Amino acid sequence: MSQKLHFGIITLTDLPWPEAVQRWRCVEELGFDSVWDCDHFVNPANPTSDWFEGWTLLAALAAQTTRIRVGALVTSITLQNPALLARKAMTVDHISSGRLELALGSGGAPLDHSMTGTPFWEMPERVNRFREVVQIVDAMLTNEVTSYAGQYYRVEKAMMYPRPVQRPRPPLTIAAHGPKTLELTAQYADCWNSYGGWGLSAAKAKELTRQRNETLNEHCARLGRDPQAIRRSLLGGPTDPSLAAFEDFVESYYEIGIHEFILMWMRDNKPGVLSGIRDRAQLEQVATESIPKLRARHATTK
């Protein structure tokens, strides 16, 4: 049976507040499923540019929308204490009336560490920290009281009242590319997110995504979990701005098991690290022409 297609938009936290509100309302009005901001201490590509704190901005923008799912793609564990993050997530879930999508990543942006005085973690430590953060956040959003004693993080009888609007907790997205984090995804996630990889050809990025998707399926099978229970999400899009290229891109990734596509709406037509939407006219075309066509092609009874 065909999987339902989901489409979202991510905006950077460098927009002036009025423009950020306008963009998020526009994305909602055009019928996208989700809208996201990001979570870095500064813009990794331009650290002297204007930049707002991601979760503060997320809470404010959630209050400016009414229907669309909202989140930070992805929340970096470098900048977050897991217990405080769980409380932030609960709070935004209430502000949004149960529309929060909680997306977590292992971080790694060097300036997030150096500018906040956080020692840089080598990959084995980063992965182990990530596992502990996921476990704590999952437990605290699911249970009224949580105690946890890990190698890096501890909570003692941490109470969470009120409970989240969404039960048993807001949906959890995990960004993962390696075997250990994909196994963590199979254990805890409602959605898996990938961006392919930096500096890769289109063919190589797609093949890596296919391989990772298969690895995730294998982990699910080993754990006795239905792979279909985890939505597969991709951050990025084609370099060609045409509607035909966008539709071909979605179809090619749909064939390898990706069902959600998050596009970056870049600022002032400036190119970004990831391909994406260059202006409002292109956004409207994608929303009103391409997405309805793609959804009709892959209509599902789910």
C-alpha atoms as a PDB file:
ATOM      1  CA  MET A   1       0.000   0.000   0.000  1.00  0.00           C
ATOM      2  CA  SER A   2       1.251   3.478  -0.861  1.00  0.00           C
ATOM      3  CA  GLN A   3       2.566   5.655   1.940  1.00  0.00           C
ATOM      4  CA  LYS A   4       1.102   9.114   2.443  1.00  0.00           C
ATOM      5  CA  LEU A   5       3.356  11.928   1.283  1.00  0.00           C
ATOM      6  CA  HIS A   6       4.256  14.713   3.729  1.00  0.00           C
ATOM      7  CA  PHE A   7       5.780  18.063   2.818  1.00  0.00           C
ATOM      8  CA  GLY A   8       7.359  20.633   5.112  1.00  0.00           C
ATOM      9  CA  ILE A   9       9.334  23.857   5.009  1.00  0.00           C
ATOM     10  CA  ILE A  10      12.298  24.895   7.160  1.00  0.00           C
ATOM     11  CA  THR A  11      13.318  28.519   7.672  1.00  0.00           C
ATOM     12  CA  LEU A  12      16.550  29.700   9.243  1.00  0.00           C
ATOM     13  CA  THR A  13      16.487  31.719  12.454  1.00  0.00           C
ATOM     14  CA  ASP A  14      18.102  34.708  10.737  1.00  0.00           C
ATOM     15  CA  LEU A  15      14.840  36.325   9.619  1.00  0.00           C
ATOM     16  CA  PRO A  16      13.567  39.533  11.229  1.00  0.00           C
ATOM     17  CA  TRP A  17      10.659  38.658  13.517  1.00  0.00           C
ATOM     18  CA  PRO A  18       7.878  40.148  11.318  1.00  0.00           C
ATOM     19  CA  GLU A  19       9.199  38.321   8.263  1.00  0.00           C
ATOM     20  CA  ALA A  20       9.471  35.034  10.163  1.00  0.00           C
ATOM     21  CA  VAL A  21       5.804  35.336  11.185  1.00  0.00           C
ATOM     22  CA  GLN A  22       4.765  36.122   7.614  1.00  0.00           C
ATOM     23  CA  ARG A  23       6.666  33.149   6.246  1.00  0.00           C
ATOM     24  CA  TRP A  24       5.273  30.659   8.759  1.00  0.00           C
ATOM     25  CA  ARG A  25       1.718  31.879   8.183  1.00  0.00           C
ATOM     26  CA  CYS A  26       2.260  31.654   4.428  1.00  0.00           C
ATOM     27  CA  VAL A  27       3.522  28.070   4.688  1.00  0.00           C
ATOM     28  CA  GLU A  28       0.474  27.170   6.774  1.00  0.00           C
ATOM     29  CA  GLU A  29      -1.960  28.862   4.386  1.00  0.00           C
ATOM     30  CA  LEU A  30      -0.464  26.993   1.433  1.00  0.00           C
ATOM     31  CA  GLY A  31      -1.293  23.660   3.051  1.00  0.00           C
ATOM     32  CA  PHE A  32       2.113  22.253   3.957  1.00  0.00           C
ATOM     33  CA  ASP A  33       2.134  19.593   6.676  1.00  0.00           C
ATOM     34  CA  SER A  34       4.924  21.048   8.803  1.00  0.00           C
ATOM     35  CA  VAL A  35       7.130  24.095   9.310  1.00  0.00           C
ATOM     36  CA  TRP A  36      10.453  24.120  11.123  1.00  0.00           C
ATOM     37  CA  ASP A  37      13.226  26.360  12.363  1.00  0.00           C
ATOM     38  CA  CYS A  38      16.739  25.212  13.322  1.00  0.00           C
ATOM     39  CA  ASP A  39      18.914  24.952  16.413  1.00  0.00           C
ATOM     40  CA  HIS A  40      22.462  26.330  16.355  1.00  0.00           C
ATOM     41  CA  PHE A  41      24.145  28.948  18.535  1.00  0.00           C
ATOM     42  CA  VAL A  42      25.110  30.930  15.422  1.00  0.00           C
ATOM     43  CA  ASN A  43      24.705  30.378  11.712  1.00  0.00           C
ATOM     44  CA  PRO A  44      27.442  27.772  11.015  1.00  0.00           C
ATOM     45  CA  ALA A  45      27.958  29.145   7.508  1.00  0.00           C
ATOM     46  CA  ASN A  46      27.955  32.833   8.504  1.00  0.00           C
ATOM     47  CA  PRO A  47      28.538  33.356  12.240  1.00  0.00           C
ATOM     48  CA  THR A  48      28.423  37.168  12.037  1.00  0.00           C
ATOM     49  CA  SER A  49      24.899  37.199  10.596  1.00  0.00           C
ATOM     50  CA  ASP A  50      21.773  37.893  12.654  1.00  0.00           C
ATOM     51  CA  TRP A  51      20.601  34.763  14.456  1.00  0.00           C
ATOM     52  CA  PHE A  52      17.887  34.007  17.031  1.00  0.00           C
ATOM     53  CA  GLU A  53      17.720  31.167  19.560  1.00  0.00           C
ATOM     54  CA  GLY A  54      15.814  28.301  17.990  1.00  0.00           C
ATOM     55  CA  TRP A  55      13.513  27.050  20.754  1.00  0.00           C
ATOM     56  CA  THR A  56      12.554  30.526  21.949  1.00  0.00           C
ATOM     57  CA  LEU A  57      11.672  31.394  18.368  1.00  0.00           C
ATOM     58  CA  LEU A  58       9.818  28.096  17.910  1.00  0.00           C
ATOM     59  CA  ALA A  59       7.570  28.797  20.893  1.00  0.00           C
ATOM     60  CA  ALA A  60       6.756  32.283  19.600  1.00  0.00           C
ATOM     61  CA  LEU A  61       6.065  31.119  16.041  1.00  0.00           C
ATOM     62  CA  ALA A  62       3.936  28.207  17.250  1.00  0.00           C
ATOM     63  CA  ALA A  63       1.592  30.781  18.778  1.00  0.00           C
ATOM     64  CA  GLN A  64       1.331  32.534  15.398  1.00  0.00           C
ATOM     65  CA  THR A  65      -0.017  29.420  13.627  1.00  0.00           C
ATOM     66  CA  THR A  66      -3.106  27.286  14.173  1.00  0.00           C
ATOM     67  CA  ARG A  67      -3.031  24.072  12.104  1.00  0.00           C
ATOM     68  CA  ILE A  68       0.416  23.190  10.856  1.00  0.00           C
ATOM     69  CA  ARG A  69       2.816  20.871  12.682  1.00  0.00           C
ATOM     70  CA  VAL A  70       5.810  22.754  14.129  1.00  0.00           C
ATOM     71  CA  GLY A  71       9.322  21.852  15.251  1.00  0.00           C
ATOM     72  CA  ALA A  72      13.072  22.549  15.234  1.00  0.00           C
ATOM     73  CA  LEU A  73      14.961  20.481  12.665  1.00  0.00           C
ATOM     74  CA  VAL A  74      16.946  19.314  14.402  1.00  0.00           C
ATOM     75  CA  THR A  75      17.454  20.067  18.060  1.00  0.00           C
ATOM     76  CA  SER A  76      21.158  19.752  18.870  1.00  0.00           C
ATOM     77  CA  ILE A  77      22.152  17.917  22.028  1.00  0.00           C
ATOM     78  CA  THR A  78      25.198  20.210  22.231  1.00  0.00           C
ATOM     79  CA  LEU A  79      22.976  23.088  23.348  1.00  0.00           C
ATOM     80  CA  GLN A  80      20.386  21.231  25.421  1.00  0.00           C
ATOM     81  CA  ASN A  81      20.185  19.676  28.850  1.00  0.00           C
ATOM     82  CA  PRO A  82      17.879  16.689  28.264  1.00  0.00           C
ATOM     83  CA  ALA A  83      15.613  17.314  31.261  1.00  0.00           C
ATOM     84  CA  LEU A  84      15.182  20.989  30.357  1.00  0.00           C
ATOM     85  CA  LEU A  85      14.612  20.024  26.736  1.00  0.00           C
ATOM     86  CA  ALA A  86      11.791  17.701  27.777  1.00  0.00           C
ATOM     87  CA  ARG A  87      10.159  20.569  29.657  1.00  0.00           C
ATOM     88  CA  LYS A  88      10.603  22.915  26.683  1.00  0.00           C
ATOM     89  CA  ALA A  89       8.971  20.322  24.449  1.00  0.00           C
ATOM     90  CA  MET A  90       6.046  19.878  26.838  1.00  0.00           C
ATOM     91  CA  THR A  91       5.600  23.658  26.980  1.00  0.00           C
ATOM     92  CA  VAL A  92       5.632  24.132  23.197  1.00  0.00           C
ATOM     93  CA  ASP A  93       3.253  21.185  22.820  1.00  0.00           C
ATOM     94  CA  HIS A  94       0.777  23.146  24.962  1.00  0.00           C
ATOM     95  CA  ILE A  95       1.436  26.471  23.221  1.00  0.00           C
ATOM     96  CA  SER A  96       0.735  24.799  19.871  1.00  0.00           C
ATOM     97  CA  SER A  97      -2.307  22.850  21.143  1.00  0.00           C
ATOM     98  CA  GLY A  98      -0.597  19.538  20.432  1.00  0.00           C
ATOM     99  CA  ARG A  99       1.194  20.285  17.139  1.00  0.00           C
ATOM    100  CA  LEU A 100       4.830  19.796  18.194  1.00  0.00           C
ATOM    101  CA  GLU A 101       7.139  17.490  16.254  1.00  0.00           C
ATOM    102  CA  LEU A 102      10.221  16.875  18.419  1.00  0.00           C
ATOM    103  CA  ALA A 103      13.311  16.287  16.272  1.00  0.00           C
ATOM    104  CA  LEU A 104      16.661  15.399  17.849  1.00  0.00           C
ATOM    105  CA  GLY A 105      20.168  15.228  16.415  1.00  0.00           C
ATOM    106  CA  SER A 106      23.600  14.493  17.819  1.00  0.00           C
ATOM    107  CA  GLY A 107      24.949  17.945  16.907  1.00  0.00           C
ATOM    108  CA  GLY A 108      28.586  18.453  16.045  1.00  0.00           C
ATOM    109  CA  ALA A 109      28.773  22.010  14.690  1.00  0.00           C
ATOM    110  CA  PRO A 110      32.146  23.225  16.031  1.00  0.00           C
ATOM    111  CA  LEU A 111      30.971  26.763  16.855  1.00  0.00           C
ATOM    112  CA  ASP A 112      28.097  25.381  18.948  1.00  0.00           C
ATOM    113  CA  HIS A 113      30.794  23.932  21.190  1.00  0.00           C
ATOM    114  CA  SER A 114      33.448  26.633  21.188  1.00  0.00           C
ATOM    115  CA  MET A 115      31.123  29.614  21.583  1.00  0.00           C
ATOM    116  CA  THR A 116      29.252  28.030  24.493  1.00  0.00           C
ATOM    117  CA  GLY A 117      32.326  26.659  26.250  1.00  0.00           C
ATOM    118  CA  THR A 118      31.275  23.050  25.684  1.00  0.00           C
ATOM    119  CA  PRO A 119      34.176  20.633  25.091  1.00  0.00           C
ATOM    120  CA  PHE A 120      34.045  19.029  21.666  1.00  0.00           C
ATOM    121  CA  TRP A 121      32.972  15.384  21.823  1.00  0.00           C
ATOM    122  CA  GLU A 122      34.575  12.766  19.633  1.00  0.00           C
ATOM    123  CA  MET A 123      32.145  10.525  17.796  1.00  0.00           C
ATOM    124  CA  PRO A 124      31.954   7.599  20.265  1.00  0.00           C
ATOM    125  CA  GLU A 125      31.150   9.972  23.128  1.00  0.00           C
ATOM    126  CA  ARG A 126      28.731  11.955  20.981  1.00  0.00           C
ATOM    127  CA  VAL A 127      26.782   8.844  20.033  1.00  0.00           C
ATOM    128  CA  ASN A 128      26.641   7.656  23.648  1.00  0.00           C
ATOM    129  CA  ARG A 129      25.489  11.086  24.828  1.00  0.00           C
ATOM    130  CA  PHE A 130      22.859  11.121  22.103  1.00  0.00           C
ATOM    131  CA  ARG A 131      21.479   7.784  23.264  1.00  0.00           C
ATOM    132  CA  GLU A 132      21.184   9.038  26.843  1.00  0.00           C
ATOM    133  CA  VAL A 133      19.467  12.262  25.750  1.00  0.00           C
ATOM    134  CA  VAL A 134      16.922  10.341  23.655  1.00  0.00           C
ATOM    135  CA  GLN A 135      16.220   7.950  26.515  1.00  0.00           C
ATOM    136  CA  ILE A 136      15.738  10.744  29.063  1.00  0.00           C
ATOM    137  CA  VAL A 137      13.551  12.900  26.820  1.00  0.00           C
ATOM    138  CA  ASP A 138      11.422   9.905  25.827  1.00  0.00           C
ATOM    139  CA  ALA A 139      10.981   8.853  29.447  1.00  0.00           C
ATOM    140  CA  MET A 140      10.192  12.319  30.801  1.00  0.00           C
ATOM    141  CA  LEU A 141       7.623  13.083  28.115  1.00  0.00           C
ATOM    142  CA  THR A 142       5.986   9.686  28.623  1.00  0.00           C
ATOM    143  CA  ASN A 143       6.046   9.399  32.425  1.00  0.00           C
ATOM    144  CA  GLU A 144       5.039  11.653  35.280  1.00  0.00           C
ATOM    145  CA  VAL A 145       8.242  10.989  37.247  1.00  0.00           C
ATOM    146  CA  THR A 146      11.606   9.907  35.818  1.00  0.00           C
ATOM    147  CA  SER A 147      14.932   8.895  37.343  1.00  0.00           C
ATOM    148  CA  TYR A 148      17.924   8.110  35.155  1.00  0.00           C
ATOM    149  CA  ALA A 149      21.583   7.521  35.903  1.00  0.00           C
ATOM    150  CA  GLY A 150      23.769   7.458  32.801  1.00  0.00           C
ATOM    151  CA  GLN A 151      27.431   7.995  32.125  1.00  0.00           C
ATOM    152  CA  TYR A 152      26.894  11.616  31.064  1.00  0.00           C
ATOM    153  CA  TYR A 153      23.440  12.676  32.303  1.00  0.00           C
ATOM    154  CA  ARG A 154      21.422  12.126  35.455  1.00  0.00           C
ATOM    155  CA  VAL A 155      17.916  13.036  36.555  1.00  0.00           C
ATOM    156  CA  GLU A 156      16.461  12.206  39.938  1.00  0.00           C
ATOM    157  CA  LYS A 157      12.696  11.974  40.389  1.00  0.00           C
ATOM    158  CA  ALA A 158      12.157  14.595  37.693  1.00  0.00           C
ATOM    159  CA  MET A 159       8.464  15.497  37.669  1.00  0.00           C
ATOM    160  CA  MET A 160       6.625  16.564  34.526  1.00  0.00           C
ATOM    161  CA  TYR A 161       3.355  18.393  35.079  1.00  0.00           C
ATOM    162  CA  PRO A 162       1.283  19.153  33.139  1.00  0.00           C
ATOM    163  CA  ARG A 163       1.522  16.177  30.849  1.00  0.00           C
ATOM    164  CA  PRO A 164       2.017  16.864  27.115  1.00  0.00           C
ATOM    165  CA  VAL A 165      -1.108  17.445  25.063  1.00  0.00           C
ATOM    166  CA  GLN A 166      -0.094  14.607  22.725  1.00  0.00           C
ATOM    167  CA  ARG A 167      -0.077  11.147  24.258  1.00  0.00           C
ATOM    168  CA  PRO A 168       1.930   9.223  25.092  1.00  0.00           C
ATOM    169  CA  ARG A 169       4.265  12.052  23.990  1.00  0.00           C
ATOM    170  CA  PRO A 170       4.865  14.335  20.992  1.00  0.00           C
ATOM    171  CA  PRO A 171       6.119  12.404  17.939  1.00  0.00           C
ATOM    172  CA  LEU A 172       9.877  11.934  17.999  1.00  0.00           C
ATOM    173  CA  THR A 173      12.059  12.406  14.922  1.00  0.00           C
ATOM    174  CA  ILE A 174      15.662  11.214  15.108  1.00  0.00           C
ATOM    175  CA  ALA A 175      18.293  12.374  12.638  1.00  0.00           C
ATOM    176  CA  ALA A 176      20.610   9.418  12.057  1.00  0.00           C
ATOM    177  CA  HIS A 177      23.192   8.238   9.535  1.00  0.00           C
ATOM    178  CA  GLY A 178      25.408   5.694  11.277  1.00  0.00           C
ATOM    179  CA  PRO A 179      24.518   2.145  12.365  1.00  0.00           C
ATOM    180  CA  LYS A 180      24.317   2.965  16.077  1.00  0.00           C
ATOM    181  CA  THR A 181      22.085   6.002  15.672  1.00  0.00           C
ATOM    182  CA  LEU A 182      19.916   4.132  13.157  1.00  0.00           C
ATOM    183  CA  GLU A 183      19.490   1.406  15.769  1.00  0.00           C
ATOM    184  CA  LEU A 184      18.466   4.100  18.254  1.00  0.00           C
ATOM    185  CA  THR A 185      15.971   5.351  15.670  1.00  0.00           C
ATOM    186  CA  ALA A 186      14.480   1.881  15.327  1.00  0.00           C
ATOM    187  CA  GLN A 187      14.031   1.713  19.089  1.00  0.00           C
ATOM    188  CA  TYR A 188      12.527   5.133  19.837  1.00  0.00           C
ATOM    189  CA  ALA A 189      11.602   7.181  16.775  1.00  0.00           C
ATOM    190  CA  ASP A 190       8.294   7.886  15.107  1.00  0.00           C
ATOM    191  CA  CYS A 191      10.182   9.418  12.181  1.00  0.00           C
ATOM    192  CA  TRP A 192      13.694   9.126  10.751  1.00  0.00           C
ATOM    193  CA  ASN A 193      15.297  12.186   9.135  1.00  0.00           C
ATOM    194  CA  SER A 194      18.287  12.291   6.795  1.00  0.00           C
ATOM    195  CA  TYR A 195      19.931  14.927   4.620  1.00  0.00           C
ATOM    196  CA  GLY A 196      21.980  12.557   2.437  1.00  0.00           C
ATOM    197  CA  GLY A 197      25.381  14.153   3.027  1.00  0.00           C
ATOM    198  CA  TRP A 198      27.487  17.224   2.281  1.00  0.00           C
ATOM    199  CA  GLY A 199      29.402  17.568  -0.968  1.00  0.00           C
ATOM    200  CA  LEU A 200      27.998  14.434  -2.570  1.00  0.00           C
ATOM    201  CA  SER A 201      26.688  13.928  -6.063  1.00  0.00           C
ATOM    202  CA  ALA A 202      22.925  13.509  -6.367  1.00  0.00           C
ATOM    203  CA  ALA A 203      23.375   9.833  -7.202  1.00  0.00           C
ATOM    204  CA  LYS A 204      25.687   9.183  -4.235  1.00  0.00           C
ATOM    205  CA  ALA A 205      23.389  11.000  -1.795  1.00  0.00           C
ATOM    206  CA  LYS A 206      20.418   8.971  -2.970  1.00  0.00           C
ATOM    207  CA  GLU A 207      22.312   5.679  -2.760  1.00  0.00           C
ATOM    208  CA  LEU A 208      23.507   6.430   0.778  1.00  0.00           C
ATOM    209  CA  THR A 209      19.943   7.279   1.776  1.00  0.00           C
ATOM    210  CA  ARG A 210      18.721   4.000   0.308  1.00  0.00           C
ATOM    211  CA  GLN A 211      21.367   2.032   2.187  1.00  0.00           C
ATOM    212  CA  ARG A 212      20.575   3.777   5.469  1.00  0.00           C
ATOM    213  CA  ASN A 213      16.882   3.171   4.977  1.00  0.00           C
ATOM    214  CA  GLU A 214      17.552  -0.542   4.485  1.00  0.00           C
ATOM    215  CA  THR A 215      19.743  -0.577   7.606  1.00  0.00           C
ATOM    216  CA  LEU A 216      16.899   0.992   9.570  1.00  0.00           C
ATOM    217  CA  ASN A 217      14.521  -1.683   8.258  1.00  0.00           C
ATOM    218  CA  GLU A 218      16.959  -4.373   9.374  1.00  0.00           C
ATOM    219  CA  HIS A 219      17.184  -2.891  12.871  1.00  0.00           C
ATOM    220  CA  CYS A 220      13.379  -2.772  13.064  1.00  0.00           C
ATOM    221  CA  ALA A 221      13.135  -6.433  12.028  1.00  0.00           C
ATOM    222  CA  ARG A 222      15.673  -7.459  14.645  1.00  0.00           C
ATOM    223  CA  LEU A 223      13.803  -5.526  17.344  1.00  0.00           C
ATOM    224  CA  GLY A 224      10.419  -6.855  16.275  1.00  0.00           C
ATOM    225  CA  ARG A 225       9.132  -3.436  15.248  1.00  0.00           C
ATOM    226  CA  ASP A 226       7.079  -2.780  12.134  1.00  0.00           C
ATOM    227  CA  PRO A 227       9.269  -0.648   9.798  1.00  0.00           C
ATOM    228  CA  GLN A 228       6.110   1.066   8.537  1.00  0.00           C
ATOM    229  CA  ALA A 229       5.660   2.581  12.007  1.00  0.00           C
ATOM    230  CA  ILE A 230       8.573   4.954  11.297  1.00  0.00           C
ATOM    231  CA  ARG A 231       8.036   7.741   8.772  1.00  0.00           C
ATOM    232  CA  ARG A 232      11.067   8.376   6.525  1.00  0.00           C
ATOM    233  CA  SER A 233      11.975  12.042   6.075  1.00  0.00           C
ATOM    234  CA  LEU A 234      14.512  13.859   3.910  1.00  0.00           C
ATOM    235  CA  LEU A 235      15.874  17.378   4.345  1.00  0.00           C
ATOM    236  CA  GLY A 236      16.802  18.826   0.966  1.00  0.00           C
ATOM    237  CA  GLY A 237      15.722  19.041  -2.646  1.00  0.00           C
ATOM    238  CA  PRO A 238      16.950  19.255  -6.236  1.00  0.00           C
ATOM    239  CA  THR A 239      19.379  21.925  -7.373  1.00  0.00           C
ATOM    240  CA  ASP A 240      17.201  22.587 -10.428  1.00  0.00           C
ATOM    241  CA  PRO A 241      14.377  24.966  -9.341  1.00  0.00           C
ATOM    242  CA  SER A 242      11.877  23.732 -11.944  1.00  0.00           C
ATOM    243  CA  LEU A 243       8.674  21.975 -10.924  1.00  0.00           C
ATOM    244  CA  ALA A 244       9.553  19.013 -13.114  1.00  0.00           C
ATOM    245  CA  ALA A 245      12.858  18.582 -11.279  1.00  0.00           C
ATOM    246  CA  PHE A 246      11.096  18.782  -7.920  1.00  0.00           C
ATOM    247  CA  GLU A 247       8.541  16.159  -8.930  1.00  0.00           C
ATOM    248  CA  ASP A 248      11.234  13.864 -10.326  1.00  0.00           C
ATOM    249  CA  PHE A 249      13.234  14.290  -7.103  1.00  0.00           C
ATOM    250  CA  VAL A 250      10.270  13.327  -4.921  1.00  0.00           C
ATOM    251  CA  GLU A 251       9.431  10.337  -7.119  1.00  0.00           C
ATOM    252  CA  SER A 252      13.010   9.056  -7.110  1.00  0.00           C
ATOM    253  CA  TYR A 253      13.249   9.176  -3.318  1.00  0.00           C
ATOM    254  CA  TYR A 254       9.747   7.802  -2.858  1.00  0.00           C
ATOM    255  CA  GLU A 255      10.890   4.724  -4.763  1.00  0.00           C
ATOM    256  CA  ILE A 256      13.572   4.048  -2.116  1.00  0.00           C
ATOM    257  CA  GLY A 257      11.186   4.534   0.806  1.00  0.00           C
ATOM    258  CA  ILE A 258      11.188   8.275   1.614  1.00  0.00           C
ATOM    259  CA  HIS A 259       7.750   9.743   2.261  1.00  0.00           C
ATOM    260  CA  GLU A 260       8.407  13.161   3.819  1.00  0.00           C
ATOM    261  CA  PHE A 261      10.283  16.015   2.153  1.00  0.00           C
ATOM    262  CA  ILE A 262      11.464  19.090   4.067  1.00  0.00           C
ATOM    263  CA  LEU A 263      12.505  21.986   1.825  1.00  0.00           C
ATOM    264  CA  MET A 264      14.519  24.987   2.940  1.00  0.00           C
ATOM    265  CA  TRP A 265      13.004  28.396   2.179  1.00  0.00           C
ATOM    266  CA  MET A 266      16.149  30.431   1.733  1.00  0.00           C
ATOM    267  CA  ARG A 267      16.449  34.141   2.492  1.00  0.00           C
ATOM    268  CA  ASP A 268      16.435  36.816  -0.194  1.00  0.00           C
ATOM    269  CA  ASN A 269      17.126  34.385  -3.039  1.00  0.00           C
ATOM    270  CA  LYS A 270      20.548  33.632  -1.575  1.00  0.00           C
ATOM    271  CA  PRO A 271      21.862  30.109  -2.212  1.00  0.00           C
ATOM    272  CA  GLY A 272      22.220  27.945   0.870  1.00  0.00           C
ATOM    273  CA  VAL A 273      24.054  24.804   1.885  1.00  0.00           C
ATOM    274  CA  LEU A 274      20.966  22.763   1.032  1.00  0.00           C
ATOM    275  CA  SER A 275      18.928  23.204  -2.128  1.00  0.00           C
ATOM    276  CA  GLY A 276      15.509  24.644  -1.561  1.00  0.00           C
ATOM    277  CA  ILE A 277      12.881  27.282  -2.233  1.00  0.00           C
ATOM    278  CA  ARG A 278      14.271  30.520  -3.602  1.00  0.00           C
ATOM    279  CA  ASP A 279      11.237  32.821  -3.368  1.00  0.00           C
ATOM    280  CA  ARG A 280       7.535  32.925  -2.545  1.00  0.00           C
ATOM    281  CA  ALA A 281       6.491  32.453  -6.159  1.00  0.00           C
ATOM    282  CA  GLN A 282       8.341  29.133  -6.327  1.00  0.00           C
ATOM    283  CA  LEU A 283       6.874  28.098  -2.966  1.00  0.00           C
ATOM    284  CA  GLU A 284       3.352  28.782  -4.197  1.00  0.00           C
ATOM    285  CA  GLN A 285       3.950  26.835  -7.402  1.00  0.00           C
ATOM    286  CA  VAL A 286       5.259  23.833  -5.518  1.00  0.00           C
ATOM    287  CA  ALA A 287       2.296  23.971  -3.111  1.00  0.00           C
ATOM    288  CA  THR A 288      -0.471  24.497  -5.639  1.00  0.00           C
ATOM    289  CA  GLU A 289       0.796  22.551  -8.651  1.00  0.00           C
ATOM    290  CA  SER A 290       3.369  19.891  -7.803  1.00  0.00           C
ATOM    291  CA  ILE A 291       2.257  18.692  -4.370  1.00  0.00           C
ATOM    292  CA  PRO A 292      -1.407  18.060  -5.303  1.00  0.00           C
ATOM    293  CA  LYS A 293      -0.238  16.142  -8.373  1.00  0.00           C
ATOM    294  CA  LEU A 294       2.174  14.016  -6.339  1.00  0.00           C
ATOM    295  CA  ARG A 295      -0.355  13.327  -3.604  1.00  0.00           C
ATOM    296  CA  ALA A 296      -2.995  12.275  -6.112  1.00  0.00           C
ATOM    297  CA  ARG A 297      -0.506   9.925  -7.729  1.00  0.00           C
ATOM    298  CA  HIS A 298       0.241   8.249  -4.417  1.00  0.00           C
ATOM    299  CA  ALA A 299      -3.155   8.477  -2.750  1.00  0.00           C
ATOM    300  CA  THR A 300      -3.537   6.082   0.174  1.00  0.00           C
ATOM    301  CA  THR A 301      -6.439   4.749   2.182  1.00  0.00           C
ATOM    302  CA  LYS A 302      -4.415   4.863   5.411  1.00  0.00           C
END
